[in-house]
Amino acid sequence: MPHIIDIARRVLTPYVKNHNSGNAYEIWTSLVFLRRMGMTNKNFDELNEFFTEIEHADIKPSKNGNKGTLTAVERIKKIPVGKGLVFDDMKIVDLKNATQDDEEGTGDLILICENNDMLKISIAEGAASKVTAVKKCLTNAAATRMGCTEQDIEQIKALEKGSSKDDKNAELVKKYGEDQSTWPKRPKTDVAKKPWICSKPADYYAFVNKKTWKIRFFKIGDCPINKDTWNPTIKINSVFIETYNESKMISKTQIKFNNGVGTSMRKWNLVADLNYLFGIKHLPEMDLK
């Protein structure tokens, strides 16, 4: 088993140059696992300079998800040191960060088991207070792979055109300046093009409560929907795109621009009913209470 400090450096190094708004929850969950694996206060103190570097990584006040890293470390140091991490009855010997690796799908953190099996965990903010009604943003509903016809897409495009281009450009100028060549773009990835409805996005979900920092863990089952016979209905309801399987609404996405940054509003905020799609199972013994 690698030394705990080596694991900590490897799993947290991607955040040195990454300050996405959701980082705080990924960093916190990683710290919790490290503590359970046996990382001591002395180990944390040895990495103080490293944690400081993460805290101040390329700070942009509007989207600095690394802010609070040092506070998180101090909070973790008050939790009892673990004697080893057993997750869902499997002994964990190493961690891998996958949040910047598109080949890993929506998994953010990978737990490496003693037998070399890998468990992918997707981490997000959320209380997930109702175990029987777990919902999470997954992917783009308005795509042909989700059952949209060309007519559906044209209707969605018509809604998009209803937003003033001048307004959108003004927002971009305000955020990034007059030079349009400097405006950030979101690249398309192979993973983004893969069907998702019948494939698990990860093995587990970790929902972090942003007020209490409690974590709830859920195991993701296999999708019971037959991908060969599934015939979804896409409905446009005002500014929402809704996906139905027969009479059951399984996802809903609000049409709006992703911070105005050169991307279509047809790719934003799909919230899916995970219990219906995958049969979510709560793992209360793993929760950070």
Protein backbone atom coordinates (compact mmCIF):
# COMPACT_ATOMS: atom_id res chain seq x y z
CA MET A 1 0.00 0.00 0.00
CA PRO A 2 1.42 3.43 -0.93
CA HIS A 3 2.29 5.82 1.87
CA ILE A 4 -0.70 7.92 2.90
CA ILE A 5 1.10 11.20 2.11
CA ASP A 6 1.89 9.97 -1.41
CA ILE A 7 -1.77 9.06 -1.88
CA ALA A 8 -2.85 12.50 -0.62
CA ARG A 9 -0.51 14.34 -2.98
CA ARG A 10 -1.52 12.28 -5.97
CA VAL A 11 -5.27 12.49 -5.40
CA LEU A 12 -5.29 16.24 -4.62
CA THR A 13 -2.65 17.55 -7.06
CA PRO A 14 -5.19 18.10 -9.91
CA TYR A 15 -6.75 20.89 -7.81
CA VAL A 16 -3.52 22.91 -7.82
CA LYS A 17 -4.46 24.10 -11.32
CA ASN A 18 -8.21 23.58 -11.11
CA HIS A 19 -10.61 25.86 -9.25
CA ASN A 20 -14.03 24.68 -10.46
CA SER A 21 -17.00 25.57 -8.28
CA GLY A 22 -17.65 21.94 -7.33
CA ASN A 23 -14.10 21.28 -6.13
CA ALA A 24 -14.89 22.00 -2.49
CA TYR A 25 -17.08 18.88 -2.28
CA GLU A 26 -14.56 16.66 -4.07
CA ILE A 27 -11.70 17.91 -1.89
CA TRP A 28 -13.74 17.40 1.28
CA THR A 29 -14.73 13.85 0.33
CA SER A 30 -11.11 13.02 -0.53
CA LEU A 31 -9.96 14.35 2.84
CA VAL A 32 -12.59 12.24 4.61
CA PHE A 33 -11.36 9.09 2.85
CA LEU A 34 -7.73 9.93 3.62
CA ARG A 35 -8.60 10.35 7.29
CA ARG A 36 -10.41 7.02 7.34
CA MET A 37 -7.37 5.43 5.71
CA GLY A 38 -5.24 6.59 8.63
CA MET A 39 -3.91 10.04 7.72
CA THR A 40 -2.79 11.68 10.98
CA ASN A 41 -2.69 15.33 12.03
CA LYS A 42 1.08 15.20 11.64
CA ASN A 43 0.64 13.99 8.05
CA PHE A 44 -1.75 16.86 7.36
CA ASP A 45 0.68 19.36 8.89
CA GLU A 46 3.46 18.06 6.63
CA LEU A 47 1.31 19.00 3.65
CA ASN A 48 0.30 22.46 4.88
CA GLU A 49 2.20 24.24 2.07
CA PHE A 50 0.57 21.93 -0.48
CA PHE A 51 -2.92 22.62 0.89
CA THR A 52 -2.18 26.35 0.84
CA GLU A 53 -1.26 26.06 -2.84
CA ILE A 54 -4.58 24.37 -3.55
CA GLU A 55 -6.49 27.03 -1.57
CA HIS A 56 -5.05 29.82 -3.72
CA ALA A 57 -5.01 28.02 -7.09
CA ASP A 58 -5.51 30.56 -9.89
CA ILE A 59 -8.15 32.34 -7.86
CA LYS A 60 -11.19 33.73 -9.65
CA PRO A 61 -13.58 34.95 -6.94
CA SER A 62 -16.71 34.06 -8.90
CA LYS A 63 -15.77 30.39 -9.29
CA ASN A 64 -13.13 29.54 -6.73
CA GLY A 65 -14.12 26.09 -5.59
CA ASN A 66 -10.82 25.65 -3.73
CA LYS A 67 -11.56 28.37 -1.21
CA GLY A 68 -11.96 26.78 2.19
CA THR A 69 -9.45 23.95 1.67
CA LEU A 70 -7.40 24.96 4.73
CA THR A 71 -10.58 25.23 6.80
CA ALA A 72 -11.61 21.77 5.62
CA VAL A 73 -8.24 20.36 6.70
CA GLU A 74 -8.66 21.81 10.19
CA ARG A 75 -12.16 20.37 10.38
CA ILE A 76 -10.91 16.94 9.30
CA LYS A 77 -8.20 17.00 11.97
CA LYS A 78 -10.95 16.96 14.61
CA ILE A 79 -12.34 13.68 13.29
CA PRO A 80 -10.86 10.49 14.82
CA VAL A 81 -8.10 8.88 12.76
CA GLY A 82 -9.29 5.75 10.99
CA LYS A 83 -7.55 2.39 11.04
CA GLY A 84 -8.19 1.57 7.41
CA LEU A 85 -10.94 2.18 4.89
CA VAL A 86 -13.49 -0.51 4.13
CA PHE A 87 -16.06 0.74 1.64
CA ASP A 88 -19.15 -1.35 0.90
CA ASP A 89 -17.36 -4.41 2.37
CA MET A 90 -14.25 -3.88 0.23
CA LYS A 91 -10.83 -2.92 1.63
CA ILE A 92 -9.47 0.22 -0.03
CA VAL A 93 -5.70 0.55 -0.46
CA ASP A 94 -5.37 3.55 -2.79
CA LEU A 95 -7.23 6.51 -4.28
CA LYS A 96 -7.22 7.99 -7.78
CA ASN A 97 -8.51 11.37 -8.89
CA ALA A 98 -10.61 11.14 -12.05
CA THR A 99 -12.39 14.50 -12.06
CA GLN A 100 -10.32 15.75 -15.03
CA ASP A 101 -10.30 12.41 -16.85
CA ASP A 102 -13.20 12.32 -19.32
CA GLU A 103 -12.54 8.63 -20.00
CA GLU A 104 -13.86 7.92 -16.50
CA GLY A 105 -17.29 9.37 -17.27
CA THR A 106 -18.84 11.30 -14.40
CA GLY A 107 -16.72 9.61 -11.74
CA ASP A 108 -14.69 12.10 -9.71
CA LEU A 109 -12.84 9.81 -7.31
CA ILE A 110 -11.82 6.18 -7.74
CA LEU A 111 -11.31 3.85 -4.79
CA ILE A 112 -8.80 1.09 -5.55
CA CYS A 113 -9.54 -2.14 -3.73
CA GLU A 114 -7.14 -4.69 -2.31
CA ASN A 115 -8.03 -7.06 -5.17
CA ASN A 116 -7.39 -4.22 -7.72
CA ASP A 117 -11.09 -3.64 -8.41
CA MET A 118 -11.91 0.05 -8.87
CA LEU A 119 -15.00 1.79 -7.50
CA LYS A 120 -15.98 5.06 -9.20
CA ILE A 121 -17.63 7.72 -7.06
CA SER A 122 -19.39 10.77 -8.45
CA ILE A 123 -19.39 13.65 -5.95
CA ALA A 124 -21.85 16.53 -5.83
CA GLU A 125 -23.36 19.10 -3.51
CA GLY A 126 -26.72 18.07 -2.13
CA ALA A 127 -28.47 17.02 1.03
CA ALA A 128 -30.11 13.96 -0.60
CA SER A 129 -32.47 14.02 2.36
CA LYS A 130 -35.04 11.72 0.75
CA VAL A 131 -33.41 8.37 0.13
CA THR A 132 -36.28 7.30 -2.14
CA ALA A 133 -36.12 10.44 -4.27
CA VAL A 134 -32.46 10.97 -5.18
CA LYS A 135 -31.98 13.30 -8.14
CA LYS A 136 -28.86 14.56 -9.85
CA CYS A 137 -27.74 16.40 -12.97
CA LEU A 138 -26.48 13.87 -15.49
CA THR A 139 -26.18 15.00 -19.08
CA ASN A 140 -27.85 16.64 -22.07
CA ALA A 141 -31.47 15.59 -22.59
CA ALA A 142 -31.90 17.42 -25.87
CA ALA A 143 -29.96 15.13 -28.17
CA THR A 144 -30.93 12.60 -30.78
CA ARG A 145 -29.54 9.80 -28.60
CA MET A 146 -32.22 10.72 -26.03
CA GLY A 147 -35.00 10.34 -28.58
CA CYS A 148 -35.30 13.90 -29.89
CA THR A 149 -36.53 14.12 -33.44
CA GLU A 150 -35.31 16.79 -35.82
CA GLN A 151 -38.61 18.59 -35.17
CA ASP A 152 -37.95 18.52 -31.43
CA ILE A 153 -34.52 20.02 -31.93
CA GLU A 154 -35.88 22.75 -34.17
CA GLN A 155 -38.39 23.69 -31.46
CA ILE A 156 -35.60 23.87 -28.91
CA LYS A 157 -33.49 25.99 -31.24
CA ALA A 158 -36.45 28.34 -31.64
CA LEU A 159 -36.52 28.84 -27.88
CA GLU A 160 -32.81 29.48 -27.92
CA LYS A 161 -33.19 32.18 -30.55
CA GLY A 162 -35.65 33.93 -28.25
CA SER A 163 -32.72 35.09 -26.15
CA SER A 164 -31.14 38.30 -27.36
CA LYS A 165 -27.69 37.78 -28.92
CA ASP A 166 -26.77 41.29 -27.82
CA ASP A 167 -27.61 40.40 -24.22
CA LYS A 168 -25.52 37.25 -24.39
CA ASN A 169 -22.56 39.05 -25.91
CA ALA A 170 -22.81 41.82 -23.34
CA GLU A 171 -22.55 39.20 -20.60
CA LEU A 172 -19.46 37.70 -22.19
CA VAL A 173 -17.83 41.11 -22.65
CA LYS A 174 -18.47 41.91 -19.00
CA LYS A 175 -16.85 38.67 -17.87
CA TYR A 176 -14.04 38.20 -20.37
CA GLY A 177 -13.46 41.49 -22.21
CA GLU A 178 -13.99 42.70 -25.78
CA ASP A 179 -11.64 40.24 -27.47
CA GLN A 180 -13.88 37.32 -28.49
CA SER A 181 -10.88 35.09 -29.18
CA THR A 182 -10.24 34.99 -25.43
CA TRP A 183 -13.74 33.79 -24.56
CA PRO A 184 -13.54 30.22 -23.23
CA LYS A 185 -15.15 27.38 -25.11
CA ARG A 186 -16.27 23.99 -23.87
CA PRO A 187 -14.69 21.22 -25.95
CA LYS A 188 -16.75 18.20 -26.93
CA THR A 189 -15.50 14.86 -25.64
CA ASP A 190 -16.10 11.29 -26.70
CA VAL A 191 -17.71 10.60 -23.34
CA ALA A 192 -20.23 13.38 -23.91
CA LYS A 193 -21.38 11.61 -27.06
CA LYS A 194 -21.91 8.20 -25.49
CA PRO A 195 -25.40 6.99 -24.55
CA TRP A 196 -26.00 7.25 -20.84
CA ILE A 197 -29.52 6.12 -20.18
CA CYS A 198 -28.67 2.41 -19.88
CA SER A 199 -25.15 2.80 -18.49
CA LYS A 200 -24.24 3.65 -14.92
CA PRO A 201 -22.56 7.09 -14.72
CA ALA A 202 -20.49 5.80 -11.77
CA ASP A 203 -20.63 3.04 -9.16
CA TYR A 204 -21.56 5.33 -6.27
CA TYR A 205 -22.74 8.85 -5.53
CA ALA A 206 -21.53 11.00 -2.65
CA PHE A 207 -23.77 13.95 -1.79
CA VAL A 208 -22.14 16.62 0.38
CA ASN A 209 -24.35 18.99 2.37
CA LYS A 210 -22.81 22.44 1.85
CA LYS A 211 -24.07 23.69 5.23
CA THR A 212 -23.14 20.81 7.52
CA TRP A 213 -20.51 19.03 5.34
CA LYS A 214 -22.17 15.72 6.09
CA ILE A 215 -21.82 13.14 3.33
CA ARG A 216 -24.37 10.57 2.23
CA PHE A 217 -23.27 7.66 0.04
CA PHE A 218 -25.43 5.77 -2.45
CA LYS A 219 -24.74 2.71 -4.54
CA ILE A 220 -25.90 2.89 -8.15
CA GLY A 221 -27.61 -0.15 -9.63
CA ASP A 222 -28.02 -1.16 -13.25
CA CYS A 223 -30.57 0.60 -15.42
CA PRO A 224 -33.65 -1.64 -15.89
CA ILE A 225 -34.75 0.15 -19.08
CA ASN A 226 -34.18 -1.92 -22.23
CA LYS A 227 -32.08 0.27 -24.51
CA ASP A 228 -33.40 -1.54 -27.58
CA THR A 229 -37.08 -0.98 -26.82
CA TRP A 230 -36.97 2.28 -24.85
CA ASN A 231 -38.89 4.96 -26.71
CA PRO A 232 -38.74 8.16 -24.68
CA THR A 233 -40.98 11.15 -25.17
CA ILE A 234 -39.36 14.58 -25.18
CA LYS A 235 -41.65 17.46 -24.23
CA ILE A 236 -40.90 21.15 -24.30
CA ASN A 237 -42.73 22.87 -21.46
CA SER A 238 -42.07 26.61 -21.38
CA VAL A 239 -38.32 26.87 -20.65
CA PHE A 240 -38.02 23.22 -19.64
CA ILE A 241 -37.18 20.10 -21.62
CA GLU A 242 -38.79 17.03 -20.07
CA THR A 243 -38.03 13.37 -20.79
CA TYR A 244 -40.72 10.75 -20.20
CA ASN A 245 -40.77 6.98 -20.26
CA GLU A 246 -44.45 6.36 -20.90
CA SER A 247 -46.18 8.54 -18.24
CA LYS A 248 -43.15 8.73 -15.93
CA MET A 249 -41.07 11.93 -16.13
CA ILE A 250 -37.52 10.79 -15.55
CA SER A 251 -35.61 13.99 -16.25
CA LYS A 252 -36.09 17.71 -16.54
CA THR A 253 -33.69 20.36 -17.73
CA GLN A 254 -34.07 24.12 -17.61
CA ILE A 255 -33.11 25.93 -20.77
CA LYS A 256 -30.51 28.55 -20.01
CA PHE A 257 -26.98 29.41 -21.01
CA ASN A 258 -24.02 27.91 -19.20
CA ASN A 259 -22.72 31.22 -17.82
CA GLY A 260 -22.98 32.59 -21.35
CA VAL A 261 -19.75 30.86 -22.33
CA GLY A 262 -20.04 29.87 -25.98
CA THR A 263 -22.27 26.87 -25.47
CA SER A 264 -25.82 25.95 -26.36
CA MET A 265 -28.49 26.18 -23.71
CA ARG A 266 -29.54 22.72 -24.87
CA LYS A 267 -26.82 21.32 -22.61
CA TRP A 268 -27.56 22.36 -19.04
CA ASN A 269 -28.95 21.15 -15.74
CA LEU A 270 -30.54 17.81 -16.59
CA VAL A 271 -31.92 16.50 -13.32
CA ALA A 272 -32.79 12.81 -13.44
CA ASP A 273 -34.68 10.53 -11.08
CA LEU A 274 -31.86 8.17 -10.13
CA ASN A 275 -34.05 5.77 -8.19
CA TYR A 276 -36.15 5.16 -11.30
CA LEU A 277 -33.16 4.86 -13.61
CA PHE A 278 -30.73 2.87 -11.49
CA GLY A 279 -32.26 1.66 -8.24
CA ILE A 280 -30.21 3.72 -5.78
CA LYS A 281 -29.24 2.05 -2.50
CA HIS A 282 -28.30 4.16 0.54
CA LEU A 283 -25.12 3.08 2.40
CA PRO A 284 -25.71 4.60 5.85
CA GLU A 285 -22.70 2.83 7.38
CA MET A 286 -20.41 4.87 5.09
CA ASP A 287 -22.03 8.27 5.73
CA LEU A 288 -20.12 11.05 7.45
CA LYS A 289 -22.66 12.15 10.02
